[in-house]
Amino acid sequence: MKNIIILTASFASVILIASSCVNLTQEPKSFITEEQYIASIDYDGLQKATTALYKKLWQNGYGFNCRMQRINVLADDITCSKTKAGNALDYFDALTPNLTINDADFSTPWAGFYGVINDANTLINNVIIPDDEATAKKWEGVLGEAYFMRALSYFYLVRIFGDVPLILSSDEALPRMPRTAVTDIYDKVIIPSLDTAIAWLPSVSRSGSSSTPSKWVAETCLADVYMTMAGWPLKKGKEYYSKAAAEAKDVINNSGLSLMTNYSDLWKKALVDDATEHMFGLHHSALDGVGANYGKSYYPIDFYPNKGWADYYCDEQFYLNYPDDDRKAWNIMTEWPVQGGTHEVTNYKETTDGSPAISKYYDYDYGAPGKNPMADGITCIYRYADVLLMYAECSTRATGTVDALALKSLNDVQNRAHSSITTTTNATEFENAVFNERGWEFFAEMKRWFDLVRLEKVAEAESDKWAGSTFKEYDSYYLPISNTQIELTGWTNNPGY
C-alpha cells in the first residue's frame, strides 16, 4: 500500500513530521488513503479542502501574520519595545537573528509554509478533474488556488531561508533529502505553478473578495517573483525587470482593478470585503477563531484604558522621514492617553517606550482599544497599489527610462495619499522615488525587509546597525533554519548560524 502523509497540528519536527511517511500495510481494508479520499471528493469538497489552505497559512494565529511582522523588525519601518526585559525581538532589531532566542520565528513559518505545500500537493496530484469541458473549467478554477498557494509558500521560503527542499509529491519527502538551489526552486516550482494558476484561476475570485485569489493575483505574484529574481541573490537584472513589468502592465490594462479613493478605507473593518484594491490576503475574525495579532500587540505599553503588549512601534527615523500625507496620519499615532494620573494625552517622546505607535490596524479591533489580543480585518499580501509601483520600478530599471505609464502609476499612488508628486524623468531619481514610495505606502505590511534585501539597501537603511550585523559579517541576508530541522536532516545551516 502506498505511504500517506501524516500532518500534525504542532509541526514540531517541521518537514519530517509534516510529511512523515508511515507504512500502513496492516491498515484494515475499510480504511482509505488520503489520496483515495481526495480523488473521490465532489466539487463542494474540493472548495472546502482548498479553503483550508488559507487557514493553514494563518496557523492558529502564530503563522504568517505574526511571524512575518516579527521578521520585519529587521527592516527600518518598524521597531520593538526597548523597555521589555528579555525581548526576543531585540535581536531582529539589532540585525543579529539568534537561533537560540528566536527559534520559533524560524521553525513556525517553515512548518506553516511546508504545511500549505504538502496539502496543495495532495490536491494537485490527486484531484480527478471531470471530463466535461465546462465542469472541468469550474474545477480548475478552484484547483488553481492550490497551485497559487504552493508557489506563494515557496516564494516566501526561498526569500527567508535560501535553498530549501523541493517537494512536489509525498513520495519526494525523505528524511535526508537535500536542499535545492534557489534558482531551481524558482524555475521548477514557483514559476510553473504560477503559470498554471494564471491559466486556471477566474478573473473574479471564487469568494468575490480578496480572501481567495484571482488570475490577476497570480499574475501580480509572478511580477513580484521576476522583480525579486532581478535583484539579490540571483541578480538577473534587466531581463527579469522587463518580465516583471510586462506582467504588471497586463494587470493594469486588463484587470479592471483600481485604487480605493481613500487610503484609510483600506483598513476599515466595515470594508474588508471590498475588492476594489485588495487583491489577496488573510481575512481575520477574532470572534470566529481566526483573528490577527493586530490587537494588544500594536498598542503602546502605557496605553489607557488597556495596556498594550507593545510588540511593535514605528521606527522614529522612519516616522520623521515620512511625508505629511494621509498615510502618515492614518498609519502612525504620536500621542495617546497614558496609564496613571489623569490619563492625559501624551506625546510619544514622553511615553514609556518613546516611539510612535502603529495605528494602521486599530479599526480592526472588535472591542475597546487595546483590550483584545486578537483582531479582525485583513493581513494584506497583494493589493493594486503593488501592481502600480511594481510597474513603475521594473519598467524603469529594465529600460533606463521613465515612460508615461510608470510616471502615472507612481503619481496615482501619491495623489491618493495627498502626498508630494514626483515629476522627474531621470531614471535614477525616479527609482529612488519609487523605493521610498513603497516604504510609505506599504508601511507595516511586511514587505519592507524583502525590498531592502533584493535591492541590497539594508546597509543604507540601517546604517547605525549594519557594522555589527550578522548579515554584514557573513555576506548573506538569509535567516537560520531551525536547529530541530538541521539535526534531523544533517544539513549545514545558513552562514552565521
Protein backbone atom coordinates (compact mmCIF):
# COMPACT_ATOMS: atom_id res chain seq x y z
CA MET A 1 0.00 0.00 0.00
CA LYS A 2 1.17 3.48 -0.79
CA ASN A 3 2.57 5.53 2.11
CA ILE A 4 0.48 8.53 3.20
CA ILE A 5 1.32 11.92 4.62
CA ILE A 6 0.54 12.43 8.28
CA LEU A 7 0.06 16.12 9.09
CA THR A 8 0.35 17.03 12.76
CA ALA A 9 -1.12 20.12 14.37
CA SER A 10 2.12 21.24 16.01
CA PHE A 11 4.55 20.61 13.15
CA ALA A 12 7.15 20.15 15.90
CA SER A 13 9.61 18.49 13.58
CA VAL A 14 8.60 20.56 10.56
CA ILE A 15 9.08 18.77 7.26
CA LEU A 16 9.83 15.43 8.81
CA ILE A 17 6.69 15.44 10.90
CA ALA A 18 4.63 17.47 8.45
CA SER A 19 5.34 14.86 5.81
CA SER A 20 6.38 11.76 7.74
CA CYS A 21 5.94 8.54 5.80
CA VAL A 22 4.13 5.85 7.78
CA ASN A 23 3.68 2.43 6.21
CA LEU A 24 0.14 1.26 6.79
CA THR A 25 0.38 -2.22 5.32
CA GLN A 26 -1.66 -3.55 8.28
CA GLU A 27 -4.40 -0.99 7.72
CA PRO A 28 -7.90 -2.53 7.68
CA LYS A 29 -9.38 -2.77 4.21
CA SER A 30 -12.24 -0.48 5.24
CA PHE A 31 -9.77 2.43 5.54
CA ILE A 32 -8.94 4.57 2.54
CA THR A 33 -5.80 6.56 1.94
CA GLU A 34 -5.74 10.33 1.87
CA GLU A 35 -5.06 10.16 -1.87
CA GLN A 36 -8.11 7.95 -2.41
CA TYR A 37 -10.25 10.30 -0.37
CA ILE A 38 -9.10 13.37 -2.30
CA ALA A 39 -9.66 11.56 -5.61
CA SER A 40 -13.26 10.89 -4.60
CA ILE A 41 -14.30 14.35 -3.38
CA ASP A 42 -17.00 16.32 -5.13
CA TYR A 43 -16.88 19.99 -6.10
CA ASP A 44 -18.07 21.17 -2.69
CA GLY A 45 -15.39 19.03 -1.03
CA LEU A 46 -12.75 20.49 -3.35
CA GLN A 47 -13.76 24.02 -2.36
CA LYS A 48 -13.59 23.19 1.34
CA ALA A 49 -10.22 21.46 1.03
CA THR A 50 -8.80 24.40 -0.92
CA THR A 51 -10.18 26.98 1.50
CA ALA A 52 -8.38 25.11 4.30
CA LEU A 53 -5.05 26.16 2.74
CA TYR A 54 -5.58 29.74 3.91
CA LYS A 55 -6.18 28.68 7.49
CA LYS A 56 -3.06 26.53 7.27
CA LEU A 57 -1.08 29.64 6.30
CA TRP A 58 -2.62 31.54 9.22
CA GLN A 59 -1.57 28.67 11.53
CA ASN A 60 -3.72 29.35 14.58
CA GLY A 61 -2.61 32.96 14.83
CA TYR A 62 1.10 32.20 15.15
CA GLY A 63 1.90 31.76 11.47
CA PHE A 64 2.06 34.17 8.57
CA ASN A 65 0.52 37.26 10.16
CA CYS A 66 2.52 37.08 13.38
CA ARG A 67 5.84 35.74 12.11
CA MET A 68 6.12 37.94 9.03
CA GLN A 69 5.69 41.04 11.17
CA ARG A 70 8.26 39.80 13.69
CA ILE A 71 10.75 39.15 10.89
CA ASN A 72 10.07 42.63 9.51
CA VAL A 73 11.53 44.14 12.67
CA LEU A 74 14.77 43.59 10.74
CA ALA A 75 13.67 46.41 8.43
CA ASP A 76 13.73 50.15 9.06
CA ASP A 77 10.00 50.88 9.20
CA ILE A 78 9.10 49.16 12.48
CA THR A 79 10.91 48.52 15.73
CA CYS A 80 10.19 46.93 19.11
CA SER A 81 9.85 47.99 22.72
CA LYS A 82 13.16 48.96 24.29
CA THR A 83 11.87 48.59 27.85
CA LYS A 84 10.64 44.99 27.79
CA ALA A 85 13.16 42.82 29.61
CA GLY A 86 14.49 39.89 27.59
CA ASN A 87 12.65 40.98 24.45
CA ALA A 88 13.47 38.41 21.77
CA LEU A 89 12.70 40.98 19.08
CA ASP A 90 15.77 42.96 20.16
CA TYR A 91 17.89 40.52 18.14
CA PHE A 92 15.96 41.27 14.97
CA ASP A 93 16.09 44.98 15.72
CA ALA A 94 19.89 44.76 16.01
CA LEU A 95 20.16 42.74 12.74
CA THR A 96 21.53 39.78 14.69
CA PRO A 97 18.98 36.93 14.40
CA ASN A 98 19.54 34.46 17.21
CA LEU A 99 18.67 30.81 16.70
CA THR A 100 18.51 30.08 20.42
CA ILE A 101 16.37 33.07 21.37
CA ASN A 102 14.19 33.31 18.27
CA ASP A 103 13.83 29.67 17.16
CA ALA A 104 10.03 29.80 16.84
CA ASP A 105 10.39 32.72 14.42
CA PHE A 106 12.10 30.32 12.03
CA SER A 107 10.55 26.94 12.79
CA THR A 108 6.96 28.24 12.73
CA PRO A 109 6.96 29.83 9.25
CA TRP A 110 8.98 26.90 7.88
CA ALA A 111 6.40 24.44 9.16
CA GLY A 112 3.49 26.60 8.09
CA PHE A 113 4.69 27.07 4.52
CA TYR A 114 5.51 23.39 4.12
CA GLY A 115 2.15 22.51 5.61
CA VAL A 116 0.50 24.54 2.85
CA ILE A 117 2.81 22.98 0.24
CA ASN A 118 2.07 19.43 1.40
CA ASP A 119 -1.70 19.99 1.35
CA ALA A 120 -1.55 21.79 -2.01
CA ASN A 121 0.48 18.91 -3.46
CA THR A 122 -2.10 16.42 -2.23
CA LEU A 123 -4.84 18.30 -4.07
CA ILE A 124 -2.79 18.91 -7.22
CA ASN A 125 -1.67 15.30 -7.51
CA ASN A 126 -4.89 13.51 -6.57
CA VAL A 127 -7.95 15.54 -7.51
CA ILE A 128 -9.56 13.97 -10.57
CA ILE A 129 -10.91 16.71 -12.83
CA PRO A 130 -14.15 15.71 -14.63
CA ASP A 131 -14.00 15.14 -18.38
CA ASP A 132 -16.82 17.51 -19.26
CA GLU A 133 -15.19 20.73 -20.55
CA ALA A 134 -17.45 23.18 -18.73
CA THR A 135 -17.26 21.25 -15.47
CA ALA A 136 -13.50 20.82 -15.82
CA LYS A 137 -13.05 24.59 -16.17
CA LYS A 138 -15.02 25.10 -12.96
CA TRP A 139 -12.88 22.58 -11.06
CA GLU A 140 -9.66 24.02 -12.49
CA GLY A 141 -10.74 27.43 -11.23
CA VAL A 142 -10.60 26.10 -7.67
CA LEU A 143 -7.56 23.87 -8.11
CA GLY A 144 -5.68 26.88 -9.48
CA GLU A 145 -5.77 28.23 -5.92
CA ALA A 146 -3.68 25.25 -4.78
CA TYR A 147 -1.09 25.99 -7.48
CA PHE A 148 -1.02 29.63 -6.40
CA MET A 149 -0.64 28.78 -2.70
CA ARG A 150 2.16 26.31 -3.44
CA ALA A 151 4.02 28.96 -5.42
CA LEU A 152 3.43 31.67 -2.80
CA SER A 153 4.69 29.43 0.01
CA TYR A 154 7.87 28.52 -1.85
CA PHE A 155 8.38 32.20 -2.74
CA TYR A 156 8.44 33.14 0.94
CA LEU A 157 10.63 30.16 1.84
CA VAL A 158 13.40 31.00 -0.63
CA ARG A 159 13.42 34.66 0.33
CA ILE A 160 13.70 33.86 4.02
CA PHE A 161 15.85 30.71 4.04
CA GLY A 162 17.51 30.40 0.62
CA ASP A 163 17.99 26.80 -0.56
CA VAL A 164 15.10 24.60 0.61
CA PRO A 165 13.84 21.08 -0.19
CA LEU A 166 11.84 20.76 -3.41
CA ILE A 167 8.78 18.62 -2.68
CA LEU A 168 6.16 18.16 -5.37
CA SER A 169 4.63 14.95 -4.03
CA SER A 170 4.56 12.96 -0.80
CA ASP A 171 6.92 10.37 -2.28
CA GLU A 172 9.64 13.02 -2.52
CA ALA A 173 9.63 13.86 1.21
CA LEU A 174 12.61 11.90 2.55
CA PRO A 175 14.35 12.26 5.93
CA ARG A 176 17.77 13.11 4.44
CA MET A 177 16.64 14.88 1.31
CA PRO A 178 18.91 17.70 0.15
CA ARG A 179 18.17 21.39 -0.09
CA THR A 180 17.53 22.56 -3.65
CA ALA A 181 19.19 25.70 -5.04
CA VAL A 182 17.09 28.88 -5.02
CA THR A 183 17.23 29.26 -8.79
CA ASP A 184 15.88 25.72 -9.25
CA ILE A 185 13.03 26.35 -6.81
CA TYR A 186 12.01 29.34 -8.92
CA ASP A 187 12.36 27.52 -12.23
CA LYS A 188 10.92 24.13 -11.24
CA VAL A 189 8.01 25.02 -8.99
CA ILE A 190 7.32 28.72 -8.38
CA ILE A 191 7.10 29.98 -11.97
CA PRO A 192 5.40 26.84 -13.41
CA SER A 193 2.85 26.81 -10.58
CA LEU A 194 2.04 30.48 -11.15
CA ASP A 195 1.74 29.91 -14.89
CA THR A 196 -0.87 27.23 -14.21
CA ALA A 197 -2.63 29.43 -11.66
CA ILE A 198 -2.84 32.29 -14.17
CA ALA A 199 -4.29 29.94 -16.79
CA TRP A 200 -6.83 28.29 -14.46
CA LEU A 201 -7.93 30.94 -11.96
CA PRO A 202 -11.00 33.04 -12.81
CA SER A 203 -10.84 36.79 -13.42
CA VAL A 204 -13.05 37.32 -10.36
CA SER A 205 -12.08 35.35 -7.27
CA ARG A 206 -14.20 32.45 -6.08
CA SER A 207 -15.14 34.33 -2.89
CA GLY A 208 -15.77 37.62 -4.66
CA SER A 209 -13.33 39.24 -2.23
CA SER A 210 -9.60 39.16 -1.54
CA SER A 211 -9.91 36.07 0.67
CA THR A 212 -9.24 33.87 -2.38
CA PRO A 213 -7.02 34.66 -5.39
CA SER A 214 -7.98 35.55 -8.95
CA LYS A 215 -5.80 35.18 -12.05
CA TRP A 216 -4.74 38.82 -11.54
CA VAL A 217 -3.35 37.95 -8.11
CA ALA A 218 -1.31 35.09 -9.59
CA GLU A 219 -0.01 37.42 -12.29
CA THR A 220 0.88 40.05 -9.68
CA CYS A 221 2.74 37.40 -7.69
CA LEU A 222 4.62 36.40 -10.85
CA ALA A 223 5.61 40.04 -11.38
CA ASP A 224 6.85 40.08 -7.77
CA VAL A 225 8.80 36.87 -8.40
CA TYR A 226 10.52 38.27 -11.50
CA MET A 227 11.26 41.56 -9.72
CA THR A 228 12.85 39.63 -6.85
CA MET A 229 14.86 37.40 -9.18
CA ALA A 230 16.26 40.55 -10.82
CA GLY A 231 17.83 41.55 -7.50
CA TRP A 232 19.71 39.79 -4.69
CA PRO A 233 20.69 36.96 -4.64
CA LEU A 234 20.20 35.87 -8.27
CA LYS A 235 20.77 39.35 -9.76
CA LYS A 236 19.25 38.50 -13.15
CA GLY A 237 18.88 42.19 -13.86
CA LYS A 238 17.18 43.94 -16.77
CA GLU A 239 15.72 40.86 -18.47
CA TYR A 240 13.77 39.95 -15.35
CA TYR A 241 12.76 43.53 -14.60
CA SER A 242 11.31 43.52 -18.12
CA LYS A 243 9.40 40.28 -17.40
CA ALA A 244 8.03 41.78 -14.17
CA ALA A 245 6.97 44.98 -15.92
CA ALA A 246 5.13 43.01 -18.62
CA GLU A 247 3.11 41.06 -16.02
CA ALA A 248 2.26 44.19 -14.05
CA LYS A 249 1.28 46.09 -17.20
CA ASP A 250 -1.15 43.35 -18.19
CA VAL A 251 -2.86 43.62 -14.80
CA ILE A 252 -3.05 47.42 -15.12
CA ASN A 253 -4.51 47.26 -18.62
CA ASN A 254 -6.93 44.35 -18.24
CA SER A 255 -7.93 43.62 -14.65
CA GLY A 256 -10.34 46.49 -14.11
CA LEU A 257 -8.91 46.98 -10.62
CA SER A 258 -8.27 50.42 -9.16
CA LEU A 259 -7.09 52.21 -6.05
CA MET A 260 -9.69 52.85 -3.38
CA THR A 261 -10.49 56.55 -3.16
CA ASN A 262 -9.32 56.94 0.43
CA TYR A 263 -6.21 55.22 1.79
CA SER A 264 -7.84 54.89 5.22
CA ASP A 265 -10.74 52.87 3.75
CA LEU A 266 -8.34 50.01 3.07
CA TRP A 267 -8.08 49.41 6.80
CA LYS A 268 -11.71 49.82 7.86
CA LYS A 269 -13.36 46.76 9.35
CA ALA A 270 -16.62 47.58 7.58
CA LEU A 271 -14.90 47.43 4.17
CA VAL A 272 -12.86 44.24 4.45
CA ASP A 273 -14.80 42.57 1.64
CA ASP A 274 -14.32 45.44 -0.79
CA ALA A 275 -12.25 44.07 -3.68
CA THR A 276 -11.59 47.39 -5.43
CA GLU A 277 -7.93 47.39 -4.41
CA HIS A 278 -7.36 44.50 -2.02
CA MET A 279 -6.38 41.58 -4.25
CA PHE A 280 -5.37 38.82 -1.83
CA GLY A 281 -4.85 38.45 1.88
CA LEU A 282 -5.84 36.57 5.01
CA HIS A 283 -9.27 37.60 6.29
CA HIS A 284 -9.47 37.60 10.06
CA SER A 285 -12.30 37.27 12.54
CA ALA A 286 -11.37 37.13 16.21
CA LEU A 287 -14.87 36.01 17.18
CA ASP A 288 -14.69 33.13 14.69
CA GLY A 289 -11.30 31.99 15.98
CA VAL A 290 -9.18 33.22 13.06
CA GLY A 291 -8.06 36.57 14.44
CA ALA A 292 -4.90 38.53 13.67
CA ASN A 293 -2.22 39.81 16.04
CA TYR A 294 -3.37 43.40 15.46
CA GLY A 295 -4.89 43.66 18.92
CA LYS A 296 -2.77 44.25 22.01
CA SER A 297 0.48 43.70 20.07
CA TYR A 298 0.11 47.10 18.37
CA TYR A 299 -0.94 49.18 21.37
CA PRO A 300 1.68 51.02 23.49
CA ILE A 301 2.76 49.54 26.77
CA ASP A 302 1.30 52.51 28.70
CA PHE A 303 -1.91 52.96 26.67
CA TYR A 304 -5.06 53.87 28.62
CA PRO A 305 -7.55 52.32 29.30
CA ASN A 306 -5.98 48.99 28.27
CA LYS A 307 -2.23 48.48 28.27
CA GLY A 308 -0.89 47.01 25.07
CA TRP A 309 1.81 44.40 24.65
CA ALA A 310 3.85 46.89 22.61
CA ASP A 311 5.39 44.26 20.37
CA TYR A 312 5.77 46.78 17.54
CA TYR A 313 6.30 50.51 17.15
CA CYS A 314 7.09 52.74 14.21
CA ASP A 315 10.80 53.43 13.91
CA GLU A 316 11.25 57.09 14.86
CA GLN A 317 13.56 57.96 11.98
CA PHE A 318 11.17 56.36 9.52
CA TYR A 319 8.38 58.48 11.02
CA LEU A 320 10.45 61.64 10.70
CA ASN A 321 11.19 60.85 7.03
CA TYR A 322 7.55 60.06 6.27
CA PRO A 323 5.84 62.79 4.19
CA ASP A 324 2.96 64.56 5.91
CA ASP A 325 0.19 62.90 3.95
CA ASP A 326 -2.96 60.84 4.54
CA ARG A 327 -0.96 57.64 5.10
CA LYS A 328 1.16 59.10 7.85
CA ALA A 329 -1.92 60.48 9.58
CA TRP A 330 -3.68 57.09 9.47
CA ASN A 331 -0.74 54.72 9.99
CA ILE A 332 1.06 56.34 12.91
CA MET A 333 -0.14 57.55 16.32
CA THR A 334 2.12 60.10 18.01
CA GLU A 335 0.14 60.77 21.19
CA TRP A 336 -2.24 58.80 23.37
CA PRO A 337 -3.81 58.75 26.84
CA VAL A 338 -1.36 57.08 29.22
CA GLN A 339 -1.81 54.96 32.31
CA GLY A 340 -1.75 56.63 35.73
CA GLY A 341 -2.61 60.06 36.99
CA THR A 342 -5.23 61.93 34.97
CA HIS A 343 -4.70 59.77 31.86
CA GLU A 344 -3.70 62.84 29.90
CA VAL A 345 -2.85 62.59 26.21
CA THR A 346 0.94 62.49 25.96
CA ASN A 347 3.38 62.90 23.07
CA TYR A 348 5.23 59.69 22.20
CA LYS A 349 8.58 61.20 23.24
CA GLU A 350 7.31 61.38 26.82
CA THR A 351 5.83 57.88 26.94
CA THR A 352 7.39 54.73 28.39
CA ASP A 353 8.93 53.46 25.15
CA GLY A 354 9.44 56.82 23.47
CA SER A 355 8.43 55.63 19.98
CA PRO A 356 5.49 56.46 17.71
CA ALA A 357 2.81 53.75 17.70
CA ILE A 358 1.47 51.83 14.70
CA SER A 359 -2.21 52.72 14.35
CA LYS A 360 -2.75 51.27 10.86
CA TYR A 361 -4.91 48.38 12.05
CA TYR A 362 -6.73 49.92 15.02
CA ASP A 363 -10.12 49.98 13.28
CA TYR A 364 -9.93 46.18 13.10
CA ASP A 365 -10.33 45.65 16.83
CA TYR A 366 -13.74 44.30 17.87
CA GLY A 367 -13.82 45.82 21.36
CA ALA A 368 -12.30 48.61 23.41
CA PRO A 369 -8.90 49.79 22.07
CA GLY A 370 -6.11 47.53 23.24
CA LYS A 371 -8.47 45.18 25.06
CA ASN A 372 -8.20 42.11 22.87
CA PRO A 373 -5.13 40.07 21.90
CA MET A 374 -6.61 39.18 18.50
CA ALA A 375 -8.38 41.38 15.97
CA ASP A 376 -10.34 41.31 12.73
CA GLY A 377 -9.51 42.73 9.30
CA ILE A 378 -7.07 41.71 6.59
CA THR A 379 -3.43 40.74 6.50
CA CYS A 380 -2.91 42.07 3.01
CA ILE A 381 -0.50 40.16 0.79
CA TYR A 382 -1.23 41.88 -2.54
CA ARG A 383 -3.22 44.98 -3.47
CA TYR A 384 -3.47 47.07 -6.61
CA ALA A 385 -1.00 49.67 -5.34
CA ASP A 386 1.59 46.86 -5.51
CA VAL A 387 0.92 46.45 -9.21
CA LEU A 388 1.32 50.17 -9.94
CA LEU A 389 4.58 50.51 -8.02
CA MET A 390 5.98 47.26 -9.43
CA TYR A 391 5.41 48.56 -12.94
CA ALA A 392 6.86 51.96 -12.10
CA GLU A 393 10.05 50.41 -10.71
CA CYS A 394 10.55 47.49 -13.04
CA SER A 395 9.85 49.22 -16.34
CA THR A 396 12.35 51.92 -15.41
CA ARG A 397 15.04 49.51 -14.25
CA ALA A 398 14.52 47.43 -17.40
CA THR A 399 14.85 50.31 -19.89
CA GLY A 400 16.74 53.02 -18.07
CA THR A 401 13.94 55.45 -18.93
CA VAL A 402 10.75 56.64 -17.26
CA ASP A 403 7.76 56.00 -19.51
CA ALA A 404 4.40 57.73 -19.23
CA LEU A 405 2.67 54.77 -17.58
CA ALA A 406 5.43 54.47 -14.97
CA LEU A 407 5.10 58.14 -14.04
CA LYS A 408 1.30 57.91 -13.95
CA SER A 409 1.42 54.76 -11.81
CA LEU A 410 3.62 56.40 -9.21
CA ASN A 411 1.62 59.63 -9.28
CA ASP A 412 -1.68 57.77 -8.85
CA VAL A 413 -0.43 56.33 -5.56
CA GLN A 414 0.91 59.71 -4.44
CA ASN A 415 -2.25 61.58 -5.43
CA ARG A 416 -4.46 59.17 -3.50
CA ALA A 417 -2.33 59.86 -0.40
CA HIS A 418 -2.37 63.64 -1.00
CA SER A 419 1.39 63.45 -0.95
CA SER A 420 4.06 65.34 -2.88
CA ILE A 421 4.12 64.43 -6.59
CA THR A 422 7.20 63.12 -8.40
CA THR A 423 7.82 64.83 -11.73
CA THR A 424 11.39 63.79 -12.53
CA THR A 425 12.10 61.64 -15.58
CA ASN A 426 15.68 61.00 -14.51
CA ALA A 427 15.77 57.20 -14.13
CA THR A 428 17.95 57.07 -11.01
CA GLU A 429 15.95 59.76 -9.22
CA PHE A 430 12.71 58.09 -10.23
CA GLU A 431 13.83 54.66 -8.99
CA ASN A 432 14.69 56.21 -5.62
CA ALA A 433 11.30 57.91 -5.51
CA VAL A 434 9.52 54.59 -6.16
CA PHE A 435 11.59 52.84 -3.49
CA ASN A 436 10.64 55.49 -0.93
CA GLU A 437 7.02 55.37 -2.02
CA ARG A 438 6.88 51.61 -1.48
CA GLY A 439 8.11 52.13 2.07
CA TRP A 440 5.46 54.71 2.87
CA GLU A 441 2.60 53.02 1.01
CA PHE A 442 3.24 49.55 2.49
CA PHE A 443 4.32 50.64 5.97
CA ALA A 444 3.97 47.71 8.42
CA GLU A 445 2.57 45.44 5.68
CA MET A 446 5.54 43.07 6.00
CA LYS A 447 7.14 43.96 2.66
CA ARG A 448 9.94 46.33 3.63
CA TRP A 449 12.56 43.72 4.58
CA PHE A 450 12.18 41.93 1.26
CA ASP A 451 12.59 45.25 -0.59
CA LEU A 452 15.72 46.15 1.36
CA VAL A 453 17.23 42.72 0.67
CA ARG A 454 16.51 42.40 -3.06
CA LEU A 455 17.90 45.92 -3.66
CA GLU A 456 20.78 45.42 -1.18
CA LYS A 457 19.82 48.54 0.73
CA VAL A 458 19.97 47.15 4.27
CA ALA A 459 23.32 48.82 4.98
CA GLU A 460 21.96 52.16 3.78
CA ALA A 461 18.63 51.95 5.59
CA GLU A 462 20.08 50.56 8.84
CA SER A 463 23.45 52.30 8.79
CA ASP A 464 23.64 52.59 12.59
CA LYS A 465 23.32 48.81 12.99
CA TRP A 466 25.00 47.48 9.87
CA ALA A 467 28.58 47.31 11.19
CA GLY A 468 27.62 44.85 13.94
CA SER A 469 25.10 42.87 11.93
CA THR A 470 25.18 39.16 11.15
CA PHE A 471 24.36 39.98 7.52
CA LYS A 472 27.45 42.13 7.04
CA GLU A 473 29.74 39.65 8.78
CA TYR A 474 28.62 36.69 6.68
CA ASP A 475 27.64 38.48 3.46
CA SER A 476 24.19 36.89 3.41
CA TYR A 477 20.65 38.03 4.17
CA TYR A 478 19.19 34.60 4.91
CA LEU A 479 17.72 33.68 8.25
CA PRO A 480 18.61 30.47 10.08
CA ILE A 481 16.86 27.16 9.67
CA SER A 482 15.59 25.75 12.95
CA ASN A 483 18.08 23.59 14.87
CA THR A 484 15.49 20.81 15.03
CA GLN A 485 15.39 20.67 11.24
CA ILE A 486 19.19 20.79 10.98
CA GLU A 487 19.58 17.95 13.48
CA LEU A 488 17.01 15.79 11.73
CA THR A 489 18.42 16.28 8.23
CA GLY A 490 22.15 16.76 8.80
CA TRP A 491 22.17 19.95 6.70
CA THR A 492 24.68 22.75 7.17
CA ASN A 493 22.83 25.83 8.36
CA ASN A 494 22.93 29.19 6.60
CA PRO A 495 26.04 31.36 7.12
CA GLY A 496 26.27 32.87 10.60
CA TYR A 497 24.13 30.27 12.36
